[in-house]
Structure formats: structure tokens, C-alpha cells
């Protein structure tokens, strides 16, 4: 969709932001659905294994190639204890700086790794707790890339059991490149805020990405606009 330099209605900006992230969530939903399909056809009475999850790889590679402008990593993160051959697991692929697709190889031994318990991270905890999709960050993603990132995730269930989450990483610099031009179409400063109140993108130097916007009565805030089903809110701000 073409972007003009004239101001537009806030609802139009909200729609464009929603459409940008719906493309990412669509990729994540495909990973969720494929994971459920793999779980559904495994041998009766046998737990899932890392070899089963390897069946996700063609889809993960395809999503990374299709969405290279936004998605930097994508995959499935298992609920600890789900798999029969590993206590925890990330079937995760990402695009390297040279454009190659590479698996994320992590040390998940709790005796040697500070990142062995990933269940406390918002991208895992929020979908597990709420049953809804989530947008975590911005945060420095020490687990995958050491980049300032957003992680979009959805819960994965099968047979009434929580299996884990499907997720995609979006580098903040790529997200800002996509949405800041949209926010600048508005007549005043604005920012996008996630469910934790953390700013994901902003055109106001008082509210930088990564900072917290304190509730509906935050100083300088005018109005909030939910971005449809996307777990972000557009906050219009008073000019300084």
C-alpha cells in the first residue's frame, strides 16, 4: 500500500499497522497449525521428539524467504517436558547477516546455560497464561541474535494440552522502518504500545522504543486506538 506525505485519518494508520503485523502473525499461525498436524499424526502413545519437529523446517525456511523484510527468525518452542528425547527444545531457524538460513543451536542444560529456562520470557509466558497471541518487546534478544527485537507468538494446543508456542522475531530496526512512516502521517506525535505498556515504536522523543508508557493517564497522552486483534495499541500524544 502506497504511503502519501499528507496526514490521514488515525483509523487508516491503525489499519496499516495491523496489516503489517498480520503478515507476521499469519506466518506464525502456519507454524502453529503445522505443529498441531505433526502432533496429531505421531505414533499412538509416543511422545513427540526433536526428529518429529524437524518436519517443520521446510515451512520455516519458506516463511523466512517470503517475509525476509520483517521476519528474522521463526519456529516452535516446546513446553518443557513435552518431548521424549529432550527436556526443552527450540525448533528455530533464522536468517544470518549474510542471508543464509541457519538453525539456532542453544545450550539448554540448566547446569551450564543461563537461558535454559525460557518459560519466563513474555513471548512464552503470555500466550501460555492468556491463550492469546502476544507481542513481546522491544528487548535485546540475547537468546537468538543480540539484536533489539520484537517477538510475536501464539499458543499451540492439541488435545487440550499446551504444547508450546509458535513465534517469529522481528528486528526493531525493520519494524520501525515499516511503521514509523505510518505514524508520521498523523498530525501529532504517536507511539505503538504492547500489552505490558512498553513502547514498540514512537515518533516522540519523550517516549522512546523500549520505554514504558504508564497507563491511560500517562502525561501527554491523548487517546488510545486498539490495532484490531493485533496486541498493540496506537497512543496519540500531545505535542511537547
Protein backbone atom coordinates (compact mmCIF):
# COMPACT_ATOMS: atom_id res chain seq x y z
CA UNK A 1 0.00 0.00 0.00
CA UNK A 2 1.44 3.36 -1.02
CA UNK A 3 2.19 5.93 1.70
CA UNK A 4 1.49 9.59 0.99
CA UNK A 5 3.05 12.55 2.75
CA UNK A 6 -0.27 14.10 3.77
CA UNK A 7 -1.96 13.46 7.09
CA UNK A 8 -4.52 10.65 7.12
CA UNK A 9 -7.24 9.52 9.45
CA UNK A 10 -5.94 7.68 12.52
CA UNK A 11 -8.14 4.69 11.70
CA UNK A 12 -6.33 4.31 8.38
CA UNK A 13 -2.95 4.32 10.15
CA UNK A 14 -4.23 1.72 12.61
CA UNK A 15 -5.37 -0.46 9.71
CA UNK A 16 -1.98 -0.22 8.01
CA UNK A 17 -0.09 -1.08 11.20
CA UNK A 18 -2.42 -4.02 11.75
CA UNK A 19 -1.90 -5.26 8.20
CA UNK A 20 1.90 -5.07 8.61
CA UNK A 21 1.91 -7.32 11.66
CA UNK A 22 -0.91 -9.57 10.44
CA UNK A 23 1.51 -10.77 7.77
CA UNK A 24 3.90 -11.87 10.54
CA UNK A 25 1.15 -13.45 12.62
CA UNK A 26 -0.07 -15.31 9.53
CA UNK A 27 3.36 -16.91 9.24
CA UNK A 28 3.32 -17.77 12.95
CA UNK A 29 -0.17 -19.28 12.63
CA UNK A 30 1.08 -21.56 9.86
CA UNK A 31 3.83 -22.81 12.17
CA UNK A 32 1.24 -23.41 14.89
CA UNK A 33 -1.03 -25.36 12.54
CA UNK A 34 1.81 -27.45 11.16
CA UNK A 35 2.99 -28.28 14.69
CA UNK A 36 -0.52 -29.42 15.63
CA UNK A 37 -0.65 -31.58 12.50
CA UNK A 38 2.67 -33.20 13.42
CA UNK A 39 1.40 -33.88 16.95
CA UNK A 40 -1.82 -35.36 15.59
CA UNK A 41 -0.14 -37.97 13.36
CA UNK A 42 2.63 -39.17 15.68
CA UNK A 43 2.53 -42.82 16.71
CA UNK A 44 -0.18 -43.55 19.28
CA UNK A 45 1.12 -43.29 22.83
CA UNK A 46 4.52 -42.00 21.71
CA UNK A 47 5.63 -38.53 22.79
CA UNK A 48 6.83 -36.01 20.26
CA UNK A 49 10.55 -35.95 19.57
CA UNK A 50 13.03 -33.48 18.13
CA UNK A 51 13.01 -35.58 14.95
CA UNK A 52 9.26 -35.02 14.63
CA UNK A 53 9.72 -31.26 14.96
CA UNK A 54 12.31 -31.33 12.20
CA UNK A 55 9.30 -31.74 9.94
CA UNK A 56 8.68 -28.01 10.47
CA UNK A 57 11.86 -27.00 8.66
CA UNK A 58 10.55 -26.69 5.08
CA UNK A 59 7.80 -24.39 6.32
CA UNK A 60 10.18 -22.32 8.48
CA UNK A 61 12.58 -21.87 5.58
CA UNK A 62 9.72 -20.84 3.30
CA UNK A 63 8.39 -18.25 5.79
CA UNK A 64 11.85 -16.73 6.24
CA UNK A 65 12.26 -16.37 2.49
CA UNK A 66 8.76 -14.97 1.95
CA UNK A 67 8.98 -12.42 4.77
CA UNK A 68 12.66 -11.51 4.68
CA UNK A 69 11.90 -7.79 5.05
CA UNK A 70 10.38 -8.30 8.52
CA UNK A 71 10.93 -11.79 9.93
CA UNK A 72 14.46 -12.57 11.10
CA UNK A 73 13.70 -15.83 12.92
CA UNK A 74 10.76 -18.23 13.21
CA UNK A 75 9.92 -21.53 14.83
CA UNK A 76 8.32 -23.56 17.61
CA UNK A 77 9.38 -23.51 21.26
CA UNK A 78 8.33 -26.60 23.21
CA UNK A 79 6.82 -26.66 26.67
CA UNK A 80 9.48 -28.26 28.92
CA UNK A 81 8.72 -31.95 29.35
CA UNK A 82 6.79 -32.22 26.08
CA UNK A 83 9.40 -34.14 24.11
CA UNK A 84 10.51 -37.68 24.68
CA UNK A 85 14.17 -37.10 23.83
CA UNK A 86 14.93 -33.59 25.16
CA UNK A 87 13.84 -31.76 28.32
CA UNK A 88 13.41 -28.49 26.35
CA UNK A 89 13.71 -27.54 22.69
CA UNK A 90 13.55 -24.72 20.17
CA UNK A 91 12.99 -25.76 16.57
CA UNK A 92 14.13 -22.35 15.40
CA UNK A 93 15.64 -21.06 12.18
CA UNK A 94 16.89 -17.58 11.43
CA UNK A 95 18.47 -15.53 8.68
CA UNK A 96 22.15 -14.72 9.23
CA UNK A 97 23.76 -11.40 8.32
CA UNK A 98 24.97 -12.93 5.05
CA UNK A 99 21.43 -14.03 4.14
CA UNK A 100 21.89 -17.74 4.89
CA UNK A 101 19.21 -19.73 6.74
CA UNK A 102 20.66 -21.28 9.88
CA UNK A 103 19.31 -23.21 12.86
CA UNK A 104 19.57 -21.74 16.33
CA UNK A 105 21.77 -24.09 18.36
CA UNK A 106 21.40 -23.41 22.08
CA UNK A 107 22.81 -24.92 25.22
CA UNK A 108 19.66 -25.71 27.21
CA UNK A 109 21.43 -27.53 30.04
CA UNK A 110 20.34 -25.79 33.28
CA UNK A 111 23.76 -26.55 34.77
CA UNK A 112 25.66 -24.65 32.09
CA UNK A 113 23.28 -22.14 30.50
CA UNK A 114 21.67 -19.01 31.91
CA UNK A 115 19.00 -19.27 29.19
CA UNK A 116 17.87 -22.85 29.79
CA UNK A 117 14.53 -21.75 31.27
CA UNK A 118 12.83 -19.74 28.56
CA UNK A 119 9.35 -20.05 30.08
CA UNK A 120 9.58 -16.74 31.96
CA UNK A 121 10.08 -14.68 28.80
CA UNK A 122 6.96 -12.71 27.80
CA UNK A 123 6.85 -14.30 24.34
CA UNK A 124 6.35 -17.69 26.02
CA UNK A 125 4.60 -16.78 29.28
CA UNK A 126 1.90 -14.50 27.84
CA UNK A 127 0.48 -16.98 25.29
CA UNK A 128 0.64 -19.79 27.85
CA UNK A 129 -1.14 -17.72 30.52
CA UNK A 130 -3.73 -15.98 28.35
CA UNK A 131 -4.30 -18.35 25.45
CA UNK A 132 -3.94 -15.33 23.17
CA UNK A 133 -1.29 -14.15 20.78
CA UNK A 134 1.34 -11.77 22.12
CA UNK A 135 3.83 -9.13 21.06
CA UNK A 136 6.87 -9.10 23.36
CA UNK A 137 9.49 -6.37 23.44
CA UNK A 138 11.31 -4.42 22.29
CA UNK A 139 14.13 -6.16 24.16
CA UNK A 140 17.69 -7.19 23.47
CA UNK A 141 17.33 -10.77 22.25
CA UNK A 142 20.33 -12.41 23.90
CA UNK A 143 18.82 -15.83 23.23
CA UNK A 144 18.85 -15.62 19.43
CA UNK A 145 20.53 -12.61 17.88
CA UNK A 146 21.77 -9.96 20.35
CA UNK A 147 19.55 -7.56 18.36
CA UNK A 148 16.88 -5.20 19.70
CA UNK A 149 13.77 -7.13 18.68
CA UNK A 150 10.07 -7.83 18.93
CA UNK A 151 8.81 -11.40 19.22
CA UNK A 152 5.30 -12.24 18.03
CA UNK A 153 3.94 -15.51 19.39
CA UNK A 154 0.82 -17.67 19.64
CA UNK A 155 -0.02 -20.63 21.89
CA UNK A 156 -0.05 -24.13 20.43
CA UNK A 157 -2.58 -26.63 21.83
CA UNK A 158 -3.54 -30.15 20.84
CA UNK A 159 -5.97 -32.47 22.56
CA UNK A 160 -6.48 -29.97 25.36
CA UNK A 161 -2.75 -29.84 26.12
CA UNK A 162 -0.45 -26.84 25.84
CA UNK A 163 2.44 -27.87 23.60
CA UNK A 164 4.39 -24.63 23.50
CA UNK A 165 4.40 -21.51 21.34
CA UNK A 166 4.95 -20.70 17.69
CA UNK A 167 6.79 -17.42 17.24
CA UNK A 168 8.65 -15.06 14.93
CA UNK A 169 11.30 -12.45 15.64
CA UNK A 170 11.24 -9.01 14.04
CA UNK A 171 14.28 -6.79 14.43
CA UNK A 172 13.18 -3.44 15.83
CA UNK A 173 15.00 -1.58 13.07
CA UNK A 174 12.92 -3.44 10.48
CA UNK A 175 9.69 -2.87 12.40
CA UNK A 176 10.41 0.84 12.76
CA UNK A 177 11.20 1.10 9.05
CA UNK A 178 7.74 -0.33 8.33
CA UNK A 179 5.62 1.63 10.84
CA UNK A 180 7.35 4.93 11.62
CA UNK A 181 6.42 6.37 8.19
CA UNK A 182 2.81 5.49 9.02
CA UNK A 183 2.93 7.17 12.45
CA UNK A 184 4.41 10.28 10.85
CA UNK A 185 1.27 10.67 8.75
CA UNK A 186 -0.61 11.61 11.93
CA UNK A 187 -0.94 15.30 12.83
CA UNK A 188 0.95 14.91 16.13
CA UNK A 189 3.33 12.55 17.96
CA UNK A 190 2.26 8.96 18.48
CA UNK A 191 3.59 5.60 19.59
CA UNK A 192 2.70 1.91 19.48
CA UNK A 193 2.46 0.20 22.86
CA UNK A 194 2.28 -3.52 23.70
CA UNK A 195 0.19 -5.26 26.38
CA UNK A 196 2.82 -4.58 29.04
CA UNK A 197 2.78 -0.86 28.27
CA UNK A 198 6.15 -0.96 26.53
CA UNK A 199 6.68 1.32 23.56
CA UNK A 200 7.37 -0.63 20.36
CA UNK A 201 7.75 2.37 18.02
CA UNK A 202 7.43 6.12 18.52
CA UNK A 203 7.63 9.48 16.78
CA UNK A 204 8.01 11.27 20.13
CA UNK A 205 11.44 11.71 21.74
CA UNK A 206 9.76 11.67 25.18
CA UNK A 207 8.67 8.06 24.66
CA UNK A 208 11.47 6.09 23.04
CA UNK A 209 11.12 2.48 21.91
CA UNK A 210 11.62 0.18 24.88
CA UNK A 211 10.38 2.68 27.46
CA UNK A 212 7.15 2.23 29.43
CA UNK A 213 4.04 4.29 28.85
CA UNK A 214 2.24 4.40 32.17
CA UNK A 215 -1.40 3.61 31.58
CA UNK A 216 -4.24 5.66 30.04
CA UNK A 217 -3.38 8.73 32.13
CA UNK A 218 0.26 8.91 31.05
CA UNK A 219 1.50 12.52 30.80
CA UNK A 220 0.97 13.90 27.31
CA UNK A 221 -1.31 11.09 26.14
CA UNK A 222 -4.48 11.98 24.26
CA UNK A 223 -6.15 8.76 23.14
CA UNK A 224 -5.55 5.06 22.57
CA UNK A 225 -6.59 3.12 19.49
CA UNK A 226 -6.52 -0.72 19.59
CA UNK A 227 -4.98 -2.21 16.44
CA UNK A 228 -7.77 -4.71 15.90
CA UNK A 229 -6.73 -8.19 17.02
CA UNK A 230 -3.05 -7.21 16.99
CA UNK A 231 -1.75 -6.95 20.60
CA UNK A 232 -0.57 -3.37 20.10
CA UNK A 233 -2.26 -0.04 20.81
CA UNK A 234 -1.70 3.23 18.99
CA UNK A 235 -1.35 6.06 21.52
CA UNK A 236 -1.73 9.60 20.25
CA UNK A 237 0.25 12.10 22.31
CA UNK A 238 0.06 15.81 22.94
CA UNK A 239 2.81 17.83 21.40
CA UNK A 240 5.58 18.92 23.75
